[in-house]
Amino acid sequence: MLLLILKTIKMSEIENANAYDVNKKYTWGPEDTFQLSGREFGLVLNALRSVLNTPEAAQIILANEANKSIEEVMAKAVSSGVVKEVTE
């Protein structure tokens, strides 16, 4: 009976070790895959669409595009020598 209890405790520890905990941080590789059901995919898609359809999101997207443009201008100016790095 004691052996059965010990085996049950060890199995419980193993299961808990692999249990998802929302308070922990996790990592995965770029080659790892996740599978979503149609329902899950729809929820994610509709959530993203609802956020991206706000005026605030439009401003952020526009600001990001402007940032990309100015970064390209700066990169060209640095490589051509017009803009120089500040050394202190």
Protein backbone atom coordinates (compact mmCIF):
# COMPACT_ATOMS: atom_id res chain seq x y z
CA MET A 1 0.00 0.00 0.00
CA LEU A 2 2.84 2.41 0.88
CA LEU A 3 4.49 1.66 -2.48
CA LEU A 4 1.25 2.53 -4.28
CA ILE A 5 1.02 5.84 -2.40
CA LEU A 6 4.64 6.68 -3.24
CA LYS A 7 4.08 5.86 -6.92
CA THR A 8 0.96 8.04 -6.92
CA ILE A 9 2.88 10.92 -5.34
CA LYS A 10 5.69 10.61 -7.91
CA MET A 11 3.19 10.55 -10.79
CA SER A 12 1.53 13.62 -9.33
CA GLU A 13 4.89 15.42 -9.16
CA ILE A 14 5.62 14.55 -12.79
CA GLU A 15 2.21 15.79 -13.91
CA ASN A 16 2.64 19.02 -11.92
CA ALA A 17 6.10 19.57 -13.40
CA ASN A 18 4.57 19.64 -16.89
CA ALA A 19 1.46 21.63 -15.94
CA TYR A 20 1.04 25.09 -17.44
CA ASP A 21 1.29 27.88 -14.89
CA VAL A 22 0.16 31.32 -16.06
CA ASN A 23 2.59 32.96 -13.61
CA LYS A 24 5.69 31.34 -15.16
CA LYS A 25 7.62 32.38 -18.26
CA TYR A 26 8.06 29.90 -21.10
CA THR A 27 10.16 29.66 -24.22
CA TRP A 28 10.03 27.80 -27.52
CA GLY A 29 12.05 27.71 -30.70
CA PRO A 30 11.20 29.26 -34.06
CA GLU A 31 10.80 25.79 -35.58
CA ASP A 32 8.23 24.67 -32.97
CA THR A 33 4.64 24.49 -34.16
CA PHE A 34 1.32 25.09 -32.48
CA GLN A 35 -2.01 23.86 -33.75
CA LEU A 36 -5.19 25.93 -33.41
CA SER A 37 -8.70 24.69 -33.94
CA GLY A 38 -10.96 26.69 -36.24
CA ARG A 39 -12.68 28.16 -33.19
CA GLU A 40 -9.37 29.19 -31.60
CA PHE A 41 -8.13 30.68 -34.89
CA GLY A 42 -11.37 32.63 -35.27
CA LEU A 43 -11.10 34.01 -31.74
CA VAL A 44 -7.54 35.21 -32.31
CA LEU A 45 -8.35 36.64 -35.74
CA ASN A 46 -11.43 38.51 -34.53
CA ALA A 47 -9.63 39.83 -31.45
CA LEU A 48 -6.79 41.19 -33.60
CA ARG A 49 -9.21 42.71 -36.09
CA SER A 50 -11.15 44.46 -33.34
CA VAL A 51 -7.96 45.97 -31.88
CA LEU A 52 -6.57 46.98 -35.28
CA ASN A 53 -9.85 48.69 -36.19
CA THR A 54 -9.46 51.35 -33.50
CA PRO A 55 -8.28 54.91 -34.16
CA GLU A 56 -5.43 54.38 -31.70
CA ALA A 57 -4.16 51.38 -33.68
CA ALA A 58 -4.32 53.39 -36.90
CA GLN A 59 -2.14 56.08 -35.30
CA ILE A 60 0.38 53.52 -34.09
CA ILE A 61 0.52 51.81 -37.47
CA LEU A 62 1.03 55.17 -39.18
CA ALA A 63 3.74 56.12 -36.66
CA ASN A 64 5.48 52.80 -37.30
CA GLU A 65 5.46 53.40 -41.05
CA ALA A 66 6.84 56.92 -40.51
CA ASN A 67 9.55 55.50 -38.26
CA LYS A 68 10.55 52.96 -40.93
CA SER A 69 10.82 55.77 -43.48
CA ILE A 70 12.95 58.03 -41.30
CA GLU A 71 15.20 55.11 -40.31
CA GLU A 72 15.82 54.39 -44.01
CA VAL A 73 16.66 58.05 -44.62
CA MET A 74 19.05 58.03 -41.64
CA ALA A 75 20.72 54.80 -42.80
CA LYS A 76 21.34 56.27 -46.27
CA ALA A 77 22.64 59.51 -44.77
CA VAL A 78 25.02 57.64 -42.45
CA SER A 79 26.33 55.40 -45.23
CA SER A 80 26.87 58.41 -47.51
CA GLY A 81 28.70 60.30 -44.76
CA VAL A 82 26.18 63.16 -44.45
CA VAL A 83 25.24 62.10 -40.92
CA LYS A 84 28.02 61.18 -38.54
CA GLU A 85 28.02 59.31 -35.23
CA VAL A 86 28.40 61.49 -32.16
CA THR A 87 31.43 60.55 -30.09
CA GLU A 88 31.63 61.86 -26.58
